[in-house]
Structures are given as C-alpha cells and as structure tokens.
C-alpha cells in the first residue's frame, strides 16, 4: 500500500477467521484474531471439502497435511431408519473430473491444522466482543472484560449469531440504513447433535482397514430425524443427528445458545440412542465419545443482504448461513476468507473510500455464488430430509435413476468455481472439466514483473574476474 496497511481486527477464531489470518500473514497485512472461547475446543462435527477450496490449501503448501487428517469419500449409502437400503451413490471419478476427491474430516482436525499456521501472539482467547464503534479514523471493539482494541478494518467471522453483525446492524438501524429484511430474527430449521468418537479398536470394524471414508446417511420414517455416520483417520467415527424443528417455537431458544454450544442435550441423546447405524445402535458411538465433546447446535438458513458498512465487513455464517444438506457452509466460509484477503491485498490506500471499494468488490465477487449455493441448500434439504410422500419419491428417483452423464455434468458445474489466492502462484487446473477464470491481481502482476526484471539484471551482470575465470 502507498499508505500504511490498516490493522485488521478479526472477531471469530473459527475456520474462516483462521484462514483469513493465514492469508493476511502471507500478504504482510497486520491483524489480530479475537475468539470468545477461553481455549481451543472445537466440536466434533464433520466437514466436507472439495475442489471449490482445496486449490487454496495447495497454494499454501498444506495439501500433504490436509490429506493426513482427512479421507477421500467415494460413495454414500442411504438407508431408511430400519437400515433398509434406499440408494448407494458412487462418487468415483470426481478427481479425474475436477482434480480433487471429496475429502471428509472432523472440524477439530481442520481447526488444529489452521491454528498451527498462526503466530500464537496474534490470537486472543476469552474475548467476547460486546460492541463496536467506527468512524473515518478507525474502528474500536470492546470486550466483555472491558478491554478495547483499535484498528482500521473489522471483520465479523463470529458465526450465525454474530455479535459484530448485531452491533453493526444496531448502528445502521439508528441511521435508518438497514434493510427491513436484515432486521428480522433468524428462524431455526434444525437442531443437531454432533460428536466424534475416540479412537476405536481397528479390529472392531472392517471399515477401519480402508484408507477412505465410509459415509452412511439414514432417514427416519414418519419422524423428523435424519442421522449420518462417517469414518475418518485415527479409527474414529463422526456422527450427527438432525431434528427438523417447528421454527415458530424455536427462535427464542436459538438466541439463548451459542452456535457451537458445549452443552449436551440429555433428552435428545436418550431419544436417539436406539437409532440404527451400520455399526450397531447409535448409543454405542455416543458411549465412545467424550461427553464434553458432544454438543447440541442449532442450524438455520439465512441470507443477509448487508455484508459491510463503514469499516466493518461480515464473512461466513455471519453473512450467510446455509442449511447442512448441501455440505457447503464451511467451503463458502473459507472462500469468503480467500476473496476478502485478495481484495484487501489489492488496496493501494488505507482511506475509508478505499476500504469501502474493497468491501464492495468482495461482495460483488461472492454474492452471486453464495446466493446460488444458499438456494441449492434449501432444495437439497427437501430431498435429503423430507418426510412427505412426494419428497420420498423424489429422493428415490434422484439417488437411484439419475443418469451418470447428468451426475458428472452437475459435479463439473458445481465445482467449477474455485477462487484462488491472487497474491500467490496460481494452481493449474488438474481436472478434465474447466474451472471459472480467476480474477488476477494487478499488484501481484507488477511485483512479478519487477522480480523478473531484477532476476534478468542479476543474471546479465558479470564481474571481470568472473569472466576471466570462465575463459
């Protein structure tokens, strides 16, 4: 920048906030991360990553570490609640098509991998942010322990019940600048129990001998429950149970709980303990999971229109929360971090006008794709969780009779959008299907030209002694 880089305050030490920190570290942009939890304690939910984001981990030189904590997924087995087969969907050939397999891993493993790349002095734990103030000179955040921090840019990466968003929207409402829809409460669609077992005896399940994930999805009959099971490295099993909720009676309850609360819901655990899985009753997996690592969470779909105002910008679930059916929530949060880092890197000044332009560029790039994924998550939820007769029929047709060429075409379309880090060397397309063009960085291109010119000058500069020695 021609002016000093503004210090970026990132509220939220989840996967989006951590990846943004890694990228700002690479871009030499100063930052600090504030996490409300007093210590590292991510919950044991499952995350699916694909070609939409894996190119970034390759750019960062982290693919070997990523592969060490994840398993590729080649198929999904779908059952009724009594374990009557519904469908077996194969996903082989994906790597040839888009360059990467679908990878399944636990949220804690991804969290720990990202956190290992951040200088520890740049992450502040136990910082629950209560309010923000911003003007043309900067932004200030105030934590519950009465400490305050100042910077030039504030990033709200603190989840669906973002304190940054709530504080920002209150400020905008006072100015009559907030759209009416953004002022509405979030309606909860699902409650979910999530957990990851401890390491199990390898001989207890034959699937543990495989170096890929076995993914099973069960749909309850005449009940609002679905549950899924996945094997991951370390002889562990990730499991989760989803309950469709009556949104009219759950809005108040949702705001009383943090998005990833550490409190287990005993009533729900008892209710689901007899559910069947390919590994026996769900109760066996629950018993093999540390109780403090089983959590009840609330899931909802919500697309906010206001992503930024002044010096504050929202990313991930703070700006858009997707239903779990599409498995795209984590990917889109990580993509937000990538595109925002690109926009901040491209700034040539630290003025309020330049910051707004960077935020606008970020939203212009991300909003169309996020909206498409948000709508897709609502549609896929009907097929995955629906209990009506026509939803069951559509699920049976979709998963058993969809022609292979349509399946391949859908994968190629959905995984064509792969935003990369603009200030790192780009990764070429590894697959047979095309990827969307990358938005290139003018600043990085100029830097490359200068480095190449300097390299040529050094190569052509030969001292007389060196010439004599050569002769």
Protein backbone atom coordinates (compact mmCIF):
# COMPACT_ATOMS: atom_id res chain seq x y z
CA UNK A 1 0.00 0.00 0.00
CA UNK A 2 1.09 3.58 -0.61
CA UNK A 3 -0.21 4.30 2.90
CA UNK A 4 0.33 2.09 5.97
CA UNK A 5 -1.74 -1.09 5.96
CA UNK A 6 -4.73 -0.83 8.30
CA UNK A 7 -4.63 -3.28 11.16
CA UNK A 8 -7.37 -5.87 10.59
CA UNK A 9 -9.32 -6.97 13.68
CA UNK A 10 -10.86 -10.42 13.09
CA UNK A 11 -13.62 -11.35 15.54
CA UNK A 12 -14.13 -15.10 15.49
CA UNK A 13 -11.40 -17.71 15.68
CA UNK A 14 -13.24 -20.37 13.69
CA UNK A 15 -12.07 -21.83 10.40
CA UNK A 16 -12.91 -18.71 8.35
CA UNK A 17 -11.19 -16.34 10.77
CA UNK A 18 -8.11 -18.55 10.99
CA UNK A 19 -7.76 -18.95 7.23
CA UNK A 20 -8.11 -15.19 6.80
CA UNK A 21 -5.34 -14.74 9.36
CA UNK A 22 -3.08 -17.15 7.46
CA UNK A 23 -3.67 -15.26 4.22
CA UNK A 24 -3.09 -11.83 5.78
CA UNK A 25 0.13 -13.22 7.25
CA UNK A 26 1.24 -14.16 3.73
CA UNK A 27 0.18 -10.76 2.41
CA UNK A 28 2.09 -8.96 5.20
CA UNK A 29 -1.07 -7.19 6.38
CA UNK A 30 -1.18 -6.71 10.18
CA UNK A 31 -4.06 -8.39 12.02
CA UNK A 32 -5.30 -9.78 15.33
CA UNK A 33 -7.86 -12.54 15.97
CA UNK A 34 -10.33 -12.44 18.88
CA UNK A 35 -12.10 -15.64 19.98
CA UNK A 36 -14.80 -15.69 22.64
CA UNK A 37 -13.96 -19.23 23.83
CA UNK A 38 -11.38 -19.37 26.64
CA UNK A 39 -9.41 -22.14 24.92
CA UNK A 40 -9.21 -24.22 21.77
CA UNK A 41 -12.16 -26.57 21.96
CA UNK A 42 -13.79 -27.12 18.55
CA UNK A 43 -16.62 -29.60 18.42
CA UNK A 44 -16.50 -32.94 16.66
CA UNK A 45 -18.70 -32.24 13.64
CA UNK A 46 -17.82 -33.35 10.11
CA UNK A 47 -16.61 -31.09 7.32
CA UNK A 48 -16.58 -31.87 3.62
CA UNK A 49 -14.03 -30.08 1.42
CA UNK A 50 -13.81 -30.24 -2.35
CA UNK A 51 -12.23 -28.63 -5.40
CA UNK A 52 -14.01 -25.35 -4.57
CA UNK A 53 -11.40 -24.70 -1.86
CA UNK A 54 -8.66 -27.36 -1.97
CA UNK A 55 -6.66 -25.37 -4.56
CA UNK A 56 -6.06 -22.79 -1.81
CA UNK A 57 -4.56 -25.39 0.52
CA UNK A 58 -2.32 -26.47 -2.35
CA UNK A 59 -1.26 -22.85 -2.88
CA UNK A 60 -0.40 -22.59 0.81
CA UNK A 61 1.65 -25.79 0.71
CA UNK A 62 -0.75 -27.51 3.13
CA UNK A 63 -2.15 -30.33 0.99
CA UNK A 64 0.01 -33.08 2.50
CA UNK A 65 -1.12 -32.06 5.98
CA UNK A 66 -4.72 -31.89 4.78
CA UNK A 67 -4.56 -35.38 3.31
CA UNK A 68 -3.05 -36.69 6.56
CA UNK A 69 -6.13 -35.68 8.60
CA UNK A 70 -8.84 -36.49 6.04
CA UNK A 71 -10.17 -39.35 3.97
CA UNK A 72 -11.45 -39.23 0.40
CA UNK A 73 -15.10 -40.17 0.03
CA UNK A 74 -16.02 -42.30 -2.97
CA UNK A 75 -19.65 -43.12 -2.22
CA UNK A 76 -22.65 -42.53 0.03
CA UNK A 77 -25.00 -45.24 1.28
CA UNK A 78 -28.53 -44.10 2.12
CA UNK A 79 -30.89 -46.12 4.36
CA UNK A 80 -34.27 -45.88 5.96
CA UNK A 81 -34.27 -45.75 9.73
CA UNK A 82 -34.60 -49.54 9.95
CA UNK A 83 -31.49 -49.88 7.71
CA UNK A 84 -33.48 -50.82 4.61
CA UNK A 85 -31.32 -49.60 1.69
CA UNK A 86 -32.56 -46.60 -0.26
CA UNK A 87 -29.62 -45.93 -2.56
CA UNK A 88 -25.87 -46.24 -2.98
CA UNK A 89 -24.42 -43.23 -4.75
CA UNK A 90 -20.92 -43.63 -6.20
CA UNK A 91 -18.63 -40.61 -6.40
CA UNK A 92 -15.61 -42.21 -8.06
CA UNK A 93 -14.17 -40.33 -10.99
CA UNK A 94 -14.52 -36.95 -9.29
CA UNK A 95 -10.75 -36.47 -9.04
CA UNK A 96 -10.28 -37.06 -12.75
CA UNK A 97 -13.06 -34.57 -13.49
CA UNK A 98 -12.10 -31.68 -11.17
CA UNK A 99 -8.63 -32.58 -9.89
CA UNK A 100 -9.52 -33.43 -6.28
CA UNK A 101 -11.53 -36.01 -4.38
CA UNK A 102 -14.20 -35.05 -1.89
CA UNK A 103 -12.43 -35.02 1.47
CA UNK A 104 -14.10 -35.69 4.82
CA UNK A 105 -12.51 -34.66 8.11
CA UNK A 106 -13.53 -33.59 11.58
CA UNK A 107 -13.88 -29.91 12.38
CA UNK A 108 -11.31 -30.15 15.22
CA UNK A 109 -8.71 -31.60 12.84
CA UNK A 110 -9.22 -28.78 10.34
CA UNK A 111 -9.23 -26.22 13.14
CA UNK A 112 -5.99 -27.51 14.61
CA UNK A 113 -4.32 -27.55 11.20
CA UNK A 114 -5.25 -23.92 10.54
CA UNK A 115 -4.39 -22.77 14.06
CA UNK A 116 -0.91 -24.31 13.76
CA UNK A 117 -0.12 -21.80 11.00
CA UNK A 118 -0.99 -18.68 13.03
CA UNK A 119 1.56 -16.94 15.29
CA UNK A 120 0.13 -17.58 18.77
CA UNK A 121 0.63 -13.99 19.90
CA UNK A 122 -1.91 -12.90 17.28
CA UNK A 123 -4.84 -14.88 18.72
CA UNK A 124 -6.63 -13.60 21.84
CA UNK A 125 -8.88 -16.14 23.60
CA UNK A 126 -11.64 -15.37 26.08
CA UNK A 127 -12.59 -12.17 24.23
CA UNK A 128 -16.35 -11.90 23.95
CA UNK A 129 -16.94 -8.76 21.89
CA UNK A 130 -19.90 -6.71 23.07
CA UNK A 131 -19.85 -3.61 20.88
CA UNK A 132 -18.08 -1.70 18.16
CA UNK A 133 -17.58 1.93 17.25
CA UNK A 134 -16.30 3.19 13.92
CA UNK A 135 -15.70 6.48 12.14
CA UNK A 136 -13.50 7.89 9.40
CA UNK A 137 -10.41 7.45 11.59
CA UNK A 138 -10.77 3.80 12.59
CA UNK A 139 -12.76 1.15 14.42
CA UNK A 140 -12.82 0.12 18.08
CA UNK A 141 -14.17 -3.06 19.65
CA UNK A 142 -14.97 -3.55 23.32
CA UNK A 143 -14.80 -6.97 25.01
CA UNK A 144 -16.74 -8.26 28.00
CA UNK A 145 -13.63 -7.92 30.18
CA UNK A 146 -13.68 -4.15 29.45
CA UNK A 147 -10.61 -4.26 27.20
CA UNK A 148 -10.73 -2.30 23.96
CA UNK A 149 -8.85 -2.73 20.69
CA UNK A 150 -8.38 -0.34 17.79
CA UNK A 151 -7.76 -0.98 14.11
CA UNK A 152 -8.53 0.13 10.60
CA UNK A 153 -10.79 -2.74 9.49
CA UNK A 154 -13.11 -5.04 11.45
CA UNK A 155 -14.06 -8.49 10.13
CA UNK A 156 -17.01 -10.29 11.71
CA UNK A 157 -16.27 -14.01 11.36
CA UNK A 158 -18.12 -14.98 14.51
CA UNK A 159 -20.89 -17.21 13.22
CA UNK A 160 -24.63 -17.13 12.69
CA UNK A 161 -25.30 -15.25 15.94
CA UNK A 162 -22.51 -12.81 15.25
CA UNK A 163 -22.07 -10.12 17.91
CA UNK A 164 -20.32 -7.99 15.29
CA UNK A 165 -23.33 -8.20 12.98
CA UNK A 166 -25.79 -7.45 15.76
CA UNK A 167 -23.77 -4.42 16.89
CA UNK A 168 -23.30 -3.23 13.31
CA UNK A 169 -26.99 -3.59 12.49
CA UNK A 170 -27.98 -1.64 15.63
CA UNK A 171 -25.72 1.17 14.46
CA UNK A 172 -27.28 1.08 11.00
CA UNK A 173 -30.84 0.98 12.34
CA UNK A 174 -30.20 4.21 14.23
CA UNK A 175 -29.28 5.76 10.89
CA UNK A 176 -32.25 4.12 9.09
CA UNK A 177 -29.68 2.45 6.84
CA UNK A 178 -30.54 -1.22 7.47
CA UNK A 179 -32.84 -3.08 5.04
CA UNK A 180 -36.01 -4.30 6.75
CA UNK A 181 -35.36 -7.97 5.96
CA UNK A 182 -31.97 -7.87 7.68
CA UNK A 183 -33.65 -6.69 10.90
CA UNK A 184 -35.79 -9.85 11.15
CA UNK A 185 -34.93 -12.63 13.58
CA UNK A 186 -33.32 -15.85 12.42
CA UNK A 187 -35.68 -18.82 12.16
CA UNK A 188 -34.15 -22.11 13.23
CA UNK A 189 -34.76 -25.07 10.91
CA UNK A 190 -32.79 -27.84 12.62
CA UNK A 191 -31.37 -28.94 15.93
CA UNK A 192 -28.33 -31.19 15.64
CA UNK A 193 -26.30 -33.38 17.94
CA UNK A 194 -22.70 -33.75 16.80
CA UNK A 195 -19.78 -35.79 18.04
CA UNK A 196 -16.61 -37.68 17.11
CA UNK A 197 -15.69 -40.91 18.86
CA UNK A 198 -12.36 -41.57 20.45
CA UNK A 199 -10.02 -43.92 18.60
CA UNK A 200 -11.68 -47.33 18.39
CA UNK A 201 -10.17 -50.79 18.11
CA UNK A 202 -9.18 -51.28 14.47
CA UNK A 203 -10.47 -54.84 14.52
CA UNK A 204 -13.89 -53.74 15.76
CA UNK A 205 -14.96 -52.54 12.32
CA UNK A 206 -13.65 -53.77 8.99
CA UNK A 207 -14.10 -50.30 7.52
CA UNK A 208 -11.19 -49.05 9.61
CA UNK A 209 -8.84 -51.01 7.37
CA UNK A 210 -9.72 -48.77 4.40
CA UNK A 211 -7.94 -45.50 3.65
CA UNK A 212 -11.14 -43.81 2.55
CA UNK A 213 -14.29 -42.69 4.32
CA UNK A 214 -17.42 -44.83 4.61
CA UNK A 215 -20.34 -42.41 4.62
CA UNK A 216 -23.86 -43.54 5.55
CA UNK A 217 -27.00 -41.43 5.75
CA UNK A 218 -30.17 -42.63 7.49
CA UNK A 219 -33.66 -41.13 7.05
CA UNK A 220 -36.20 -41.77 9.79
CA UNK A 221 -39.61 -42.97 8.71
CA UNK A 222 -42.59 -40.97 9.93
CA UNK A 223 -40.34 -38.96 12.22
CA UNK A 224 -38.42 -35.69 11.73
CA UNK A 225 -34.97 -37.24 12.35
CA UNK A 226 -32.08 -37.98 9.99
CA UNK A 227 -28.61 -39.12 11.05
CA UNK A 228 -25.28 -39.74 9.38
CA UNK A 229 -22.07 -41.63 10.10
CA UNK A 230 -18.58 -41.19 8.57
CA UNK A 231 -15.26 -42.90 9.25
CA UNK A 232 -12.21 -40.64 9.46
CA UNK A 233 -8.47 -41.18 10.11
CA UNK A 234 -7.44 -42.48 13.52
CA UNK A 235 -10.09 -45.24 13.66
CA UNK A 236 -12.69 -42.64 14.57
CA UNK A 237 -16.31 -42.11 13.57
CA UNK A 238 -18.01 -38.74 13.15
CA UNK A 239 -21.74 -38.87 13.80
CA UNK A 240 -24.56 -36.38 13.82
CA UNK A 241 -28.33 -36.39 14.25
CA UNK A 242 -30.58 -33.74 12.73
CA UNK A 243 -34.05 -32.87 14.01
CA UNK A 244 -36.33 -30.72 11.87
CA UNK A 245 -37.88 -28.09 14.10
CA UNK A 246 -41.04 -26.05 14.27
CA UNK A 247 -39.44 -22.66 13.57
CA UNK A 248 -42.31 -20.73 15.11
CA UNK A 249 -41.47 -22.14 18.56
CA UNK A 250 -37.68 -22.18 18.46
CA UNK A 251 -36.49 -18.68 17.59
CA UNK A 252 -36.15 -17.51 21.20
CA UNK A 253 -34.37 -20.69 22.25
CA UNK A 254 -31.82 -20.36 19.46
CA UNK A 255 -30.60 -17.00 20.63
CA UNK A 256 -30.01 -18.33 24.14
CA UNK A 257 -27.36 -20.71 22.84
CA UNK A 258 -24.09 -20.06 21.11
CA UNK A 259 -23.88 -21.65 17.69
CA UNK A 260 -21.48 -24.37 18.84
CA UNK A 261 -22.59 -24.77 22.44
CA UNK A 262 -20.65 -27.28 24.54
CA UNK A 263 -23.74 -28.39 26.48
CA UNK A 264 -25.09 -31.80 25.52
CA UNK A 265 -28.85 -32.23 25.41
CA UNK A 266 -29.58 -35.31 27.50
CA UNK A 267 -33.19 -35.59 26.39
CA UNK A 268 -32.26 -35.69 22.74
CA UNK A 269 -29.42 -38.14 23.42
CA UNK A 270 -31.84 -40.52 25.09
CA UNK A 271 -34.34 -40.20 22.27
CA UNK A 272 -31.83 -41.06 19.54
CA UNK A 273 -29.81 -43.73 21.33
CA UNK A 274 -31.74 -46.63 19.74
CA UNK A 275 -31.30 -45.36 16.18
CA UNK A 276 -29.65 -47.95 13.93
CA UNK A 277 -26.38 -47.43 12.04
CA UNK A 278 -24.06 -49.71 10.01
CA UNK A 279 -22.08 -50.10 13.27
CA UNK A 280 -24.98 -51.03 15.53
CA UNK A 281 -27.05 -48.73 17.69
CA UNK A 282 -26.12 -45.06 17.83
CA UNK A 283 -25.78 -45.44 21.61
CA UNK A 284 -22.51 -47.38 21.07
CA UNK A 285 -20.98 -44.42 19.25
CA UNK A 286 -22.32 -41.98 21.84
CA UNK A 287 -20.71 -44.03 24.60
CA UNK A 288 -17.37 -43.97 22.72
CA UNK A 289 -17.48 -40.15 22.54
CA UNK A 290 -16.29 -37.91 25.37
CA UNK A 291 -19.39 -36.27 26.83
CA UNK A 292 -17.84 -32.79 26.77
CA UNK A 293 -17.33 -33.23 23.03
CA UNK A 294 -21.00 -33.92 22.27
CA UNK A 295 -22.92 -30.76 21.54
CA UNK A 296 -26.36 -29.66 20.54
CA UNK A 297 -26.33 -26.95 17.91
CA UNK A 298 -28.96 -25.01 16.01
CA UNK A 299 -28.90 -24.80 12.25
CA UNK A 300 -30.78 -22.38 10.06
CA UNK A 301 -30.78 -20.96 6.59
CA UNK A 302 -30.43 -17.19 6.29
CA UNK A 303 -29.04 -14.90 3.63
CA UNK A 304 -28.33 -11.36 4.82
CA UNK A 305 -28.08 -8.57 2.27
CA UNK A 306 -25.91 -6.23 4.33
CA UNK A 307 -22.38 -7.62 4.38
CA UNK A 308 -20.49 -4.43 5.15
CA UNK A 309 -20.87 -0.89 6.43
CA UNK A 310 -18.17 1.65 7.18
CA UNK A 311 -15.01 -0.17 8.20
CA UNK A 312 -16.79 -3.41 9.11
CA UNK A 313 -17.36 -6.47 6.91
CA UNK A 314 -19.01 -9.85 7.59
CA UNK A 315 -17.87 -13.23 6.29
CA UNK A 316 -19.02 -16.84 6.62
CA UNK A 317 -22.07 -17.65 8.71
CA UNK A 318 -22.21 -14.07 9.97
CA UNK A 319 -23.25 -13.03 6.45
CA UNK A 320 -24.92 -16.17 5.11
CA UNK A 321 -25.94 -19.35 6.92
CA UNK A 322 -26.70 -22.40 4.80
CA UNK A 323 -28.66 -25.50 5.70
CA UNK A 324 -26.46 -28.55 6.33
CA UNK A 325 -27.98 -30.59 3.50
CA UNK A 326 -25.60 -29.30 0.82
CA UNK A 327 -22.45 -29.54 2.94
CA UNK A 328 -21.29 -26.18 1.57
CA UNK A 329 -21.32 -23.97 4.67
CA UNK A 330 -17.67 -24.48 5.59
CA UNK A 331 -16.49 -24.25 1.99
CA UNK A 332 -18.26 -20.93 1.45
CA UNK A 333 -16.90 -19.50 4.69
CA UNK A 334 -13.36 -20.41 3.60
CA UNK A 335 -13.97 -18.95 0.13
CA UNK A 336 -15.08 -15.69 1.77
CA UNK A 337 -11.74 -15.52 3.57
CA UNK A 338 -9.86 -16.05 0.30
CA UNK A 339 -11.72 -13.42 -1.71
CA UNK A 340 -11.66 -10.86 1.11
CA UNK A 341 -7.91 -11.34 1.55
CA UNK A 342 -7.48 -10.76 -2.19
CA UNK A 343 -9.49 -7.53 -2.02
CA UNK A 344 -7.55 -6.23 0.99
CA UNK A 345 -4.23 -7.08 -0.66
CA UNK A 346 -5.22 -5.12 -3.77
CA UNK A 347 -5.87 -1.89 -1.84
CA UNK A 348 -3.43 0.91 -2.67
CA UNK A 349 -4.57 3.22 0.12
CA UNK A 350 -5.92 2.90 3.66
CA UNK A 351 -8.62 5.55 3.28
CA UNK A 352 -12.29 4.94 4.18
CA UNK A 353 -13.15 5.21 0.48
CA UNK A 354 -10.58 2.55 -0.45
CA UNK A 355 -11.87 0.25 2.30
CA UNK A 356 -15.46 0.57 1.08
CA UNK A 357 -14.32 -0.15 -2.50
CA UNK A 358 -12.55 -3.31 -1.29
CA UNK A 359 -15.65 -4.45 0.60
CA UNK A 360 -17.86 -3.79 -2.42
CA UNK A 361 -15.51 -5.77 -4.65
CA UNK A 362 -15.63 -8.63 -2.13
CA UNK A 363 -19.42 -8.77 -2.11
CA UNK A 364 -19.71 -8.35 -5.88
CA UNK A 365 -17.48 -11.38 -6.35
CA UNK A 366 -19.05 -13.57 -3.70
CA UNK A 367 -22.76 -12.74 -3.53
CA UNK A 368 -23.95 -14.40 -6.78
CA UNK A 369 -22.23 -17.69 -5.97
CA UNK A 370 -23.30 -17.67 -2.31
CA UNK A 371 -26.90 -16.98 -3.28
CA UNK A 372 -26.82 -19.91 -5.70
CA UNK A 373 -25.41 -22.22 -3.00
CA UNK A 374 -27.91 -20.94 -0.44
CA UNK A 375 -30.85 -21.73 -2.73
CA UNK A 376 -29.34 -25.12 -3.54
CA UNK A 377 -29.10 -25.94 0.18
CA UNK A 378 -32.82 -25.30 0.60
CA UNK A 379 -33.68 -27.51 -2.37
CA UNK A 380 -31.38 -30.35 -1.31
CA UNK A 381 -32.85 -30.22 2.20
CA UNK A 382 -36.20 -31.33 0.79
CA UNK A 383 -34.62 -34.32 -0.93
CA UNK A 384 -32.38 -35.29 1.98
CA UNK A 385 -34.67 -34.70 4.97
CA UNK A 386 -38.19 -34.55 3.54
CA UNK A 387 -40.81 -36.89 5.03
CA UNK A 388 -43.72 -36.22 2.67
CA UNK A 389 -44.60 -38.96 0.18
CA UNK A 390 -43.55 -36.90 -2.83
CA UNK A 391 -40.24 -36.00 -1.16
CA UNK A 392 -39.56 -39.69 -0.52
CA UNK A 393 -40.41 -40.47 -4.13
CA UNK A 394 -38.15 -37.72 -5.46
CA UNK A 395 -35.34 -38.90 -3.19
CA UNK A 396 -35.67 -42.44 -4.53
CA UNK A 397 -35.65 -41.26 -8.15
CA UNK A 398 -32.83 -38.77 -7.66
CA UNK A 399 -30.44 -41.18 -5.98
CA UNK A 400 -31.26 -44.32 -7.99
CA UNK A 401 -32.17 -43.27 -11.51
CA UNK A 402 -30.20 -40.11 -12.24
CA UNK A 403 -28.20 -40.80 -15.44
CA UNK A 404 -24.43 -40.82 -14.94
CA UNK A 405 -23.82 -38.08 -17.50
CA UNK A 406 -26.16 -35.74 -15.62
CA UNK A 407 -24.38 -36.57 -12.37
CA UNK A 408 -21.00 -35.78 -13.96
CA UNK A 409 -22.32 -32.57 -15.50
CA UNK A 410 -23.69 -31.43 -12.14
CA UNK A 411 -20.37 -32.08 -10.41
CA UNK A 412 -18.43 -30.21 -13.10
CA UNK A 413 -20.81 -27.24 -12.82
CA UNK A 414 -20.86 -27.10 -9.01
CA UNK A 415 -17.07 -27.42 -8.67
CA UNK A 416 -16.07 -25.05 -11.47
CA UNK A 417 -15.96 -22.08 -9.09
CA UNK A 418 -12.56 -22.29 -7.37
CA UNK A 419 -11.32 -18.87 -6.18
CA UNK A 420 -7.59 -18.89 -5.50
CA UNK A 421 -5.27 -16.60 -3.57
CA UNK A 422 -4.43 -13.86 -6.08
CA UNK A 423 -1.09 -12.94 -4.48
CA UNK A 424 0.32 -16.49 -4.59
CA UNK A 425 1.27 -18.56 -7.66
CA UNK A 426 -1.92 -19.97 -9.17
CA UNK A 427 -2.53 -23.71 -9.30
CA UNK A 428 -3.28 -25.01 -12.81
CA UNK A 429 -6.46 -26.97 -13.42
CA UNK A 430 -5.78 -30.63 -12.61
CA UNK A 431 -9.07 -31.99 -13.97
CA UNK A 432 -10.69 -32.52 -17.35
CA UNK A 433 -13.57 -30.08 -16.72
CA UNK A 434 -12.88 -26.34 -16.98
CA UNK A 435 -12.71 -24.01 -13.98
CA UNK A 436 -14.01 -20.46 -13.86
CA UNK A 437 -11.40 -17.83 -14.74
CA UNK A 438 -9.53 -16.33 -11.80
CA UNK A 439 -9.63 -12.62 -11.05
CA UNK A 440 -5.97 -11.67 -11.25
CA UNK A 441 -4.16 -9.20 -9.03
CA UNK A 442 -2.67 -6.15 -10.75
CA UNK A 443 -0.42 -5.53 -7.77
CA UNK A 444 0.91 -9.09 -7.79
CA UNK A 445 1.48 -8.96 -11.57
CA UNK A 446 3.53 -5.77 -11.18
CA UNK A 447 5.53 -7.36 -8.36
CA UNK A 448 6.25 -10.39 -10.53
CA UNK A 449 7.47 -8.17 -13.37
CA UNK A 450 9.83 -6.32 -11.04
CA UNK A 451 11.20 -9.58 -9.66
CA UNK A 452 11.70 -10.99 -13.16
CA UNK A 453 13.46 -7.81 -14.28
CA UNK A 454 15.72 -7.91 -11.23
CA UNK A 455 16.49 -11.56 -11.92
CA UNK A 456 17.46 -10.79 -15.52
CA UNK A 457 19.66 -7.90 -14.38
CA UNK A 458 21.45 -10.14 -11.90
CA UNK A 459 21.97 -12.85 -14.49
CA UNK A 460 23.48 -10.47 -17.04
CA UNK A 461 25.76 -8.69 -14.56
CA UNK A 462 29.14 -10.44 -14.79
CA UNK A 463 32.24 -9.19 -12.99
CA UNK A 464 35.61 -9.04 -14.89
CA UNK A 465 37.13 -11.62 -12.56
CA UNK A 466 34.26 -13.99 -13.24
CA UNK A 467 34.70 -13.54 -16.99
CA UNK A 468 38.42 -14.21 -16.76
CA UNK A 469 37.83 -17.32 -14.70
CA UNK A 470 35.37 -18.56 -17.29
CA UNK A 471 37.90 -18.03 -20.08
